[in-house]
Amino acid sequence: MAFDSGRGGGSMSQINVTPLVDVMLVLLVIFMVTAPILQKGVSVDLPRAQAGALSEKETPLVVSVTKAGDVYLNEQRLAQSDLGGRLRALAASKPEGTVLVRADQSVPYGEVVRVMAAIKAAGIRRVGMVTQVPGTP
């Protein structure tokens, strides 16, 4: 608190905002450091390709195929046979939805084609492939 020793003779209290600003800056730095860590998702070694980013209004569904051949819908592991049914149910609720395919670069081409066929059989027309820009880790 600050005190005013002016002509009025009374005390004037004011809030000292310096500690508040210090705490807020520390919290900002903490959130900036932890936010990328929280969005890690399924670990996939993406192939590198020069391509532009898609502009999306909604968050798309992400189908990931790992090096071991495991299939994930967003971050939930599924059997390859269950993928079509889940995608059909999601396509019925959002017919204009987008599905992005993230496949490890060492996954055989046939596995990726099977996933793409399941997406098409579910009635989803907007499909994108996730790649990594060359020169980024």
N, C-alpha and C. Protein backbone atom coordinates (compact mmCIF):
# COMPACT_ATOMS: atom_id res chain seq x y z
N MET A 1 0.82 -1.18 0.00
CA MET A 1 0.00 0.00 0.00
C MET A 1 0.87 1.24 0.00
N ALA A 2 0.35 2.25 -0.57
CA ALA A 2 1.05 3.53 -0.58
C ALA A 2 0.30 4.51 0.30
N PHE A 3 1.02 5.37 0.94
CA PHE A 3 0.42 6.37 1.81
C PHE A 3 0.74 7.75 1.28
N ASP A 4 -0.25 8.60 1.34
CA ASP A 4 -0.09 9.98 0.86
C ASP A 4 0.08 10.89 2.07
N SER A 5 1.19 11.57 2.12
CA SER A 5 1.42 12.50 3.24
C SER A 5 1.19 13.94 2.79
N GLY A 6 0.22 14.12 1.91
CA GLY A 6 -0.08 15.45 1.38
C GLY A 6 -0.86 16.29 2.36
N ARG A 7 -1.51 17.28 1.86
CA ARG A 7 -2.20 18.27 2.70
C ARG A 7 -3.43 17.70 3.41
N GLY A 8 -4.04 16.67 2.83
CA GLY A 8 -5.26 16.14 3.42
C GLY A 8 -5.02 15.48 4.77
N GLY A 9 -3.85 15.01 5.03
CA GLY A 9 -3.52 14.41 6.29
C GLY A 9 -4.00 12.98 6.42
N GLY A 10 -4.90 12.50 5.56
CA GLY A 10 -5.40 11.12 5.63
C GLY A 10 -4.53 10.18 4.80
N SER A 11 -4.80 8.92 4.94
CA SER A 11 -4.05 7.95 4.14
C SER A 11 -4.83 7.63 2.87
N MET A 12 -4.11 7.37 1.81
CA MET A 12 -4.70 7.00 0.54
C MET A 12 -4.13 5.64 0.17
N SER A 13 -4.99 4.66 0.02
CA SER A 13 -4.48 3.33 -0.30
C SER A 13 -4.59 3.09 -1.80
N GLN A 14 -3.57 2.44 -2.35
CA GLN A 14 -3.53 2.08 -3.76
C GLN A 14 -3.00 0.66 -3.86
N ILE A 15 -3.45 -0.05 -4.87
CA ILE A 15 -2.98 -1.42 -5.10
C ILE A 15 -1.67 -1.35 -5.86
N ASN A 16 -0.69 -2.10 -5.37
CA ASN A 16 0.59 -2.19 -6.05
C ASN A 16 0.48 -3.31 -7.09
N VAL A 17 0.49 -2.98 -8.37
CA VAL A 17 0.29 -3.97 -9.42
C VAL A 17 1.57 -4.64 -9.88
N THR A 18 2.71 -4.21 -9.40
CA THR A 18 3.98 -4.80 -9.84
C THR A 18 4.06 -6.30 -9.55
N PRO A 19 3.71 -6.78 -8.35
CA PRO A 19 3.75 -8.23 -8.13
C PRO A 19 2.75 -8.98 -9.01
N LEU A 20 1.60 -8.38 -9.26
CA LEU A 20 0.62 -9.01 -10.13
C LEU A 20 1.16 -9.17 -11.55
N VAL A 21 1.80 -8.15 -12.07
CA VAL A 21 2.39 -8.22 -13.41
C VAL A 21 3.49 -9.26 -13.45
N ASP A 22 4.31 -9.34 -12.41
CA ASP A 22 5.38 -10.34 -12.36
C ASP A 22 4.81 -11.76 -12.40
N VAL A 23 3.78 -12.00 -11.63
CA VAL A 23 3.16 -13.33 -11.60
C VAL A 23 2.55 -13.66 -12.96
N MET A 24 1.89 -12.71 -13.57
CA MET A 24 1.27 -12.95 -14.88
C MET A 24 2.31 -13.25 -15.95
N LEU A 25 3.45 -12.57 -15.92
CA LEU A 25 4.50 -12.84 -16.90
C LEU A 25 5.10 -14.23 -16.70
N VAL A 26 5.27 -14.64 -15.45
CA VAL A 26 5.78 -15.99 -15.18
C VAL A 26 4.79 -17.03 -15.68
N LEU A 27 3.51 -16.83 -15.43
CA LEU A 27 2.50 -17.77 -15.92
C LEU A 27 2.47 -17.81 -17.44
N LEU A 28 2.62 -16.68 -18.09
CA LEU A 28 2.65 -16.63 -19.54
C LEU A 28 3.80 -17.47 -20.08
N VAL A 29 4.98 -17.33 -19.50
CA VAL A 29 6.14 -18.11 -19.95
C VAL A 29 5.90 -19.60 -19.72
N ILE A 30 5.32 -19.97 -18.58
CA ILE A 30 5.05 -21.38 -18.30
C ILE A 30 4.09 -21.95 -19.33
N PHE A 31 3.02 -21.23 -19.65
CA PHE A 31 2.06 -21.73 -20.63
C PHE A 31 2.66 -21.79 -22.03
N MET A 32 3.52 -20.86 -22.38
CA MET A 32 4.15 -20.89 -23.69
C MET A 32 5.07 -22.10 -23.83
N VAL A 33 5.71 -22.51 -22.76
CA VAL A 33 6.62 -23.66 -22.80
C VAL A 33 5.83 -24.97 -22.81
N THR A 34 4.76 -25.06 -22.03
CA THR A 34 4.05 -26.33 -21.90
C THR A 34 3.02 -26.58 -23.00
N ALA A 35 2.52 -25.58 -23.67
CA ALA A 35 1.49 -25.78 -24.69
C ALA A 35 1.94 -26.70 -25.82
N PRO A 36 3.12 -26.54 -26.41
CA PRO A 36 3.52 -27.47 -27.48
C PRO A 36 3.71 -28.90 -26.98
N ILE A 37 4.07 -29.06 -25.73
CA ILE A 37 4.27 -30.41 -25.19
C ILE A 37 2.93 -31.13 -25.06
N LEU A 38 1.88 -30.42 -24.71
CA LEU A 38 0.57 -31.02 -24.51
C LEU A 38 -0.07 -31.46 -25.82
N GLN A 39 0.33 -30.91 -26.95
CA GLN A 39 -0.27 -31.24 -28.23
C GLN A 39 0.55 -32.27 -29.01
N LYS A 40 1.28 -33.11 -28.32
CA LYS A 40 2.16 -34.07 -28.97
C LYS A 40 1.39 -35.09 -29.78
N GLY A 41 0.39 -35.76 -29.19
CA GLY A 41 -0.40 -36.75 -29.91
C GLY A 41 0.35 -38.05 -30.10
N VAL A 42 0.00 -38.79 -31.14
CA VAL A 42 0.61 -40.07 -31.46
C VAL A 42 1.94 -39.81 -32.15
N SER A 43 2.96 -40.55 -31.76
CA SER A 43 4.29 -40.34 -32.33
C SER A 43 4.39 -40.99 -33.71
N VAL A 44 4.58 -40.15 -34.73
CA VAL A 44 4.67 -40.61 -36.11
C VAL A 44 5.80 -39.84 -36.77
N ASP A 45 6.68 -40.54 -37.49
CA ASP A 45 7.75 -39.91 -38.25
C ASP A 45 7.19 -39.56 -39.62
N LEU A 46 6.79 -38.30 -39.80
CA LEU A 46 6.11 -37.88 -41.02
C LEU A 46 7.08 -37.74 -42.19
N PRO A 47 6.60 -38.05 -43.39
CA PRO A 47 7.44 -37.80 -44.56
C PRO A 47 7.55 -36.30 -44.80
N ARG A 48 8.63 -35.88 -45.45
CA ARG A 48 8.84 -34.45 -45.71
C ARG A 48 8.38 -34.13 -47.13
N ALA A 49 7.64 -33.03 -47.24
CA ALA A 49 7.15 -32.58 -48.54
C ALA A 49 6.88 -31.08 -48.47
N GLN A 50 7.10 -30.41 -49.57
CA GLN A 50 6.84 -28.98 -49.64
C GLN A 50 5.37 -28.80 -50.01
N ALA A 51 4.55 -28.41 -49.05
CA ALA A 51 3.12 -28.22 -49.30
C ALA A 51 2.61 -27.12 -48.38
N GLY A 52 1.59 -26.43 -48.83
CA GLY A 52 1.01 -25.35 -48.03
C GLY A 52 0.03 -25.90 -47.01
N ALA A 53 -0.26 -25.11 -46.01
CA ALA A 53 -1.19 -25.50 -44.97
C ALA A 53 -2.63 -25.32 -45.44
N LEU A 54 -3.52 -26.17 -44.92
CA LEU A 54 -4.93 -26.05 -45.23
C LEU A 54 -5.57 -25.05 -44.28
N SER A 55 -6.52 -24.29 -44.78
CA SER A 55 -7.25 -23.38 -43.90
C SER A 55 -8.55 -24.06 -43.50
N GLU A 56 -8.73 -24.32 -42.23
CA GLU A 56 -9.89 -25.03 -41.72
C GLU A 56 -10.61 -24.18 -40.69
N LYS A 57 -11.92 -24.23 -40.70
CA LYS A 57 -12.71 -23.54 -39.70
C LYS A 57 -12.95 -24.45 -38.50
N GLU A 58 -13.07 -25.75 -38.74
CA GLU A 58 -13.29 -26.72 -37.68
C GLU A 58 -12.04 -27.59 -37.52
N THR A 59 -11.93 -28.20 -36.37
CA THR A 59 -10.82 -29.11 -36.13
C THR A 59 -11.11 -30.42 -36.87
N PRO A 60 -10.24 -30.85 -37.78
CA PRO A 60 -10.50 -32.07 -38.53
C PRO A 60 -10.20 -33.32 -37.70
N LEU A 61 -10.77 -34.44 -38.12
CA LEU A 61 -10.42 -35.73 -37.53
C LEU A 61 -9.04 -36.12 -38.05
N VAL A 62 -8.26 -36.79 -37.22
CA VAL A 62 -6.92 -37.20 -37.62
C VAL A 62 -6.83 -38.71 -37.47
N VAL A 63 -6.50 -39.40 -38.57
CA VAL A 63 -6.25 -40.84 -38.55
C VAL A 63 -4.74 -41.02 -38.66
N SER A 64 -4.15 -41.65 -37.65
CA SER A 64 -2.70 -41.85 -37.63
C SER A 64 -2.38 -43.33 -37.79
N VAL A 65 -1.33 -43.61 -38.56
CA VAL A 65 -0.84 -44.97 -38.72
C VAL A 65 0.62 -44.97 -38.26
N THR A 66 0.91 -45.74 -37.21
CA THR A 66 2.25 -45.75 -36.65
C THR A 66 3.14 -46.74 -37.38
N LYS A 67 4.41 -46.70 -37.04
CA LYS A 67 5.40 -47.59 -37.65
C LYS A 67 5.04 -49.06 -37.42
N ALA A 68 4.45 -49.35 -36.27
CA ALA A 68 4.05 -50.72 -35.94
C ALA A 68 2.77 -51.15 -36.64
N GLY A 69 2.11 -50.23 -37.35
CA GLY A 69 0.88 -50.55 -38.06
C GLY A 69 -0.37 -50.29 -37.26
N ASP A 70 -0.25 -49.69 -36.07
CA ASP A 70 -1.42 -49.38 -35.25
C ASP A 70 -2.15 -48.19 -35.87
N VAL A 71 -3.49 -48.22 -35.80
CA VAL A 71 -4.32 -47.16 -36.35
C VAL A 71 -4.98 -46.42 -35.19
N TYR A 72 -4.92 -45.09 -35.25
CA TYR A 72 -5.51 -44.24 -34.22
C TYR A 72 -6.48 -43.28 -34.89
N LEU A 73 -7.62 -43.07 -34.25
CA LEU A 73 -8.56 -42.03 -34.67
C LEU A 73 -8.44 -40.95 -33.61
N ASN A 74 -7.93 -39.78 -34.00
CA ASN A 74 -7.46 -38.75 -33.10
C ASN A 74 -6.40 -39.39 -32.22
N GLU A 75 -6.63 -39.63 -30.95
CA GLU A 75 -5.60 -40.27 -30.13
C GLU A 75 -6.10 -41.59 -29.55
N GLN A 76 -7.19 -42.12 -30.10
CA GLN A 76 -7.76 -43.37 -29.61
C GLN A 76 -7.39 -44.50 -30.55
N ARG A 77 -6.77 -45.54 -29.99
CA ARG A 77 -6.34 -46.68 -30.80
C ARG A 77 -7.54 -47.52 -31.22
N LEU A 78 -7.55 -47.92 -32.49
CA LEU A 78 -8.63 -48.73 -33.05
C LEU A 78 -8.05 -49.90 -33.82
N ALA A 79 -8.85 -50.95 -33.95
CA ALA A 79 -8.50 -52.01 -34.89
C ALA A 79 -8.83 -51.50 -36.29
N GLN A 80 -8.09 -51.95 -37.28
CA GLN A 80 -8.31 -51.47 -38.65
C GLN A 80 -9.73 -51.79 -39.10
N SER A 81 -10.29 -52.91 -38.64
CA SER A 81 -11.66 -53.27 -39.03
C SER A 81 -12.70 -52.35 -38.40
N ASP A 82 -12.40 -51.73 -37.26
CA ASP A 82 -13.34 -50.82 -36.59
C ASP A 82 -13.30 -49.41 -37.16
N LEU A 83 -12.27 -49.08 -37.91
CA LEU A 83 -12.09 -47.72 -38.40
C LEU A 83 -13.24 -47.29 -39.29
N GLY A 84 -13.67 -48.15 -40.22
CA GLY A 84 -14.75 -47.80 -41.15
C GLY A 84 -16.05 -47.47 -40.43
N GLY A 85 -16.41 -48.29 -39.46
CA GLY A 85 -17.65 -48.07 -38.72
C GLY A 85 -17.64 -46.76 -37.95
N ARG A 86 -16.53 -46.49 -37.29
CA ARG A 86 -16.41 -45.25 -36.52
C ARG A 86 -16.48 -44.04 -37.44
N LEU A 87 -15.80 -44.12 -38.60
CA LEU A 87 -15.81 -43.00 -39.54
C LEU A 87 -17.19 -42.80 -40.15
N ARG A 88 -17.93 -43.90 -40.40
CA ARG A 88 -19.29 -43.76 -40.94
C ARG A 88 -20.19 -43.02 -39.95
N ALA A 89 -20.05 -43.35 -38.67
CA ALA A 89 -20.86 -42.69 -37.66
C ALA A 89 -20.51 -41.20 -37.57
N LEU A 90 -19.23 -40.90 -37.64
CA LEU A 90 -18.81 -39.50 -37.59
C LEU A 90 -19.20 -38.75 -38.85
N ALA A 91 -19.15 -39.43 -40.00
CA ALA A 91 -19.53 -38.78 -41.26
C ALA A 91 -21.03 -38.48 -41.29
N ALA A 92 -21.82 -39.31 -40.63
CA ALA A 92 -23.27 -39.07 -40.59
C ALA A 92 -23.58 -37.81 -39.78
N SER A 93 -22.80 -37.56 -38.71
CA SER A 93 -23.05 -36.38 -37.90
C SER A 93 -22.46 -35.11 -38.51
N LYS A 94 -21.33 -35.23 -39.22
CA LYS A 94 -20.71 -34.07 -39.88
C LYS A 94 -20.38 -34.45 -41.32
N PRO A 95 -21.34 -34.32 -42.24
CA PRO A 95 -21.10 -34.77 -43.62
C PRO A 95 -20.02 -33.98 -44.35
N GLU A 96 -19.77 -32.75 -43.97
CA GLU A 96 -18.75 -31.94 -44.63
C GLU A 96 -17.45 -31.91 -43.85
N GLY A 97 -17.24 -32.88 -42.98
CA GLY A 97 -16.03 -32.92 -42.16
C GLY A 97 -14.81 -33.30 -42.97
N THR A 98 -13.65 -33.01 -42.42
CA THR A 98 -12.38 -33.32 -43.06
C THR A 98 -11.63 -34.34 -42.21
N VAL A 99 -10.96 -35.27 -42.88
CA VAL A 99 -10.12 -36.25 -42.20
C VAL A 99 -8.69 -36.06 -42.71
N LEU A 100 -7.76 -35.94 -41.77
CA LEU A 100 -6.34 -35.85 -42.12
C LEU A 100 -5.67 -37.18 -41.80
N VAL A 101 -4.83 -37.66 -42.71
CA VAL A 101 -4.13 -38.92 -42.53
C VAL A 101 -2.67 -38.62 -42.21
N ARG A 102 -2.22 -39.13 -41.05
CA ARG A 102 -0.82 -39.01 -40.63
C ARG A 102 -0.26 -40.42 -40.63
N ALA A 103 0.68 -40.70 -41.50
CA ALA A 103 1.27 -42.04 -41.56
C ALA A 103 2.78 -41.92 -41.45
N ASP A 104 3.37 -42.80 -40.67
CA ASP A 104 4.82 -42.85 -40.54
C ASP A 104 5.41 -43.14 -41.92
N GLN A 105 6.55 -42.54 -42.22
CA GLN A 105 7.12 -42.72 -43.56
C GLN A 105 7.60 -44.14 -43.82
N SER A 106 7.76 -44.94 -42.78
CA SER A 106 8.20 -46.33 -42.99
C SER A 106 7.03 -47.31 -43.09
N VAL A 107 5.79 -46.82 -43.00
CA VAL A 107 4.62 -47.68 -43.14
C VAL A 107 4.50 -48.08 -44.61
N PRO A 108 4.25 -49.37 -44.88
CA PRO A 108 4.08 -49.79 -46.28
C PRO A 108 2.92 -49.07 -46.95
N TYR A 109 3.07 -48.83 -48.22
CA TYR A 109 2.09 -48.10 -49.00
C TYR A 109 0.71 -48.76 -48.93
N GLY A 110 0.69 -50.07 -48.90
CA GLY A 110 -0.57 -50.80 -48.85
C GLY A 110 -1.38 -50.49 -47.60
N GLU A 111 -0.71 -50.30 -46.47
CA GLU A 111 -1.42 -49.96 -45.23
C GLU A 111 -2.09 -48.60 -45.34
N VAL A 112 -1.38 -47.65 -45.92
CA VAL A 112 -1.95 -46.31 -46.09
C VAL A 112 -3.13 -46.36 -47.06
N VAL A 113 -3.02 -47.15 -48.10
CA VAL A 113 -4.12 -47.28 -49.07
C VAL A 113 -5.34 -47.90 -48.40
N ARG A 114 -5.14 -48.89 -47.53
CA ARG A 114 -6.27 -49.50 -46.82
C ARG A 114 -6.99 -48.48 -45.93
N VAL A 115 -6.22 -47.64 -45.28
CA VAL A 115 -6.82 -46.59 -44.44
C VAL A 115 -7.58 -45.60 -45.31
N MET A 116 -6.98 -45.19 -46.42
CA MET A 116 -7.65 -44.25 -47.33
C MET A 116 -8.93 -44.87 -47.90
N ALA A 117 -8.92 -46.18 -48.19
CA ALA A 117 -10.11 -46.85 -48.70
C ALA A 117 -11.21 -46.88 -47.64
N ALA A 118 -10.83 -47.09 -46.39
CA ALA A 118 -11.83 -47.10 -45.31
C ALA A 118 -12.45 -45.71 -45.15
N ILE A 119 -11.64 -44.68 -45.31
CA ILE A 119 -12.16 -43.30 -45.21
C ILE A 119 -13.14 -43.04 -46.36
N LYS A 120 -12.78 -43.45 -47.55
CA LYS A 120 -13.65 -43.23 -48.71
C LYS A 120 -14.93 -44.05 -48.58
N ALA A 121 -14.83 -45.30 -48.10
CA ALA A 121 -16.01 -46.15 -47.93
C ALA A 121 -16.95 -45.58 -46.88
N ALA A 122 -16.43 -44.81 -45.93
CA ALA A 122 -17.27 -44.19 -44.90
C ALA A 122 -18.04 -43.00 -45.44
N GLY A 123 -17.74 -42.58 -46.66
CA GLY A 123 -18.47 -41.47 -47.27
C GLY A 123 -17.84 -40.11 -47.03
N ILE A 124 -16.61 -40.09 -46.59
CA ILE A 124 -15.91 -38.82 -46.35
C ILE A 124 -15.20 -38.41 -47.63
N ARG A 125 -15.48 -37.20 -48.09
CA ARG A 125 -14.91 -36.75 -49.37
C ARG A 125 -13.69 -35.86 -49.19
N ARG A 126 -13.57 -35.19 -48.05
CA ARG A 126 -12.45 -34.27 -47.85
C ARG A 126 -11.37 -34.97 -47.03
N VAL A 127 -10.30 -35.35 -47.70
CA VAL A 127 -9.20 -36.08 -47.06
C VAL A 127 -7.91 -35.32 -47.35
N GLY A 128 -7.08 -35.15 -46.33
CA GLY A 128 -5.79 -34.51 -46.50
C GLY A 128 -4.69 -35.38 -45.93
N MET A 129 -3.49 -35.19 -46.42
CA MET A 129 -2.33 -35.92 -45.93
C MET A 129 -1.47 -34.96 -45.14
N VAL A 130 -1.02 -35.38 -43.96
CA VAL A 130 -0.18 -34.55 -43.11
C VAL A 130 1.28 -34.91 -43.43
N THR A 131 2.06 -33.87 -43.74
CA THR A 131 3.50 -34.05 -43.98
C THR A 131 4.25 -33.07 -43.12
N GLN A 132 5.56 -33.21 -43.16
CA GLN A 132 6.42 -32.29 -42.42
C GLN A 132 7.19 -31.45 -43.43
N VAL A 133 7.30 -30.17 -43.14
CA VAL A 133 8.02 -29.26 -44.04
C VAL A 133 9.50 -29.59 -43.97
N PRO A 134 10.19 -29.68 -45.12
CA PRO A 134 11.63 -29.97 -45.08
C PRO A 134 12.38 -28.92 -44.28
N GLY A 135 13.33 -29.38 -43.50
CA GLY A 135 14.15 -28.48 -42.70
C GLY A 135 13.64 -28.27 -41.29
N THR A 136 12.47 -28.86 -40.94
CA THR A 136 11.97 -28.74 -39.56
C THR A 136 12.19 -30.07 -38.85
N PRO A 137 12.44 -30.02 -37.56
CA PRO A 137 12.69 -31.27 -36.82
C PRO A 137 11.45 -32.07 -36.59
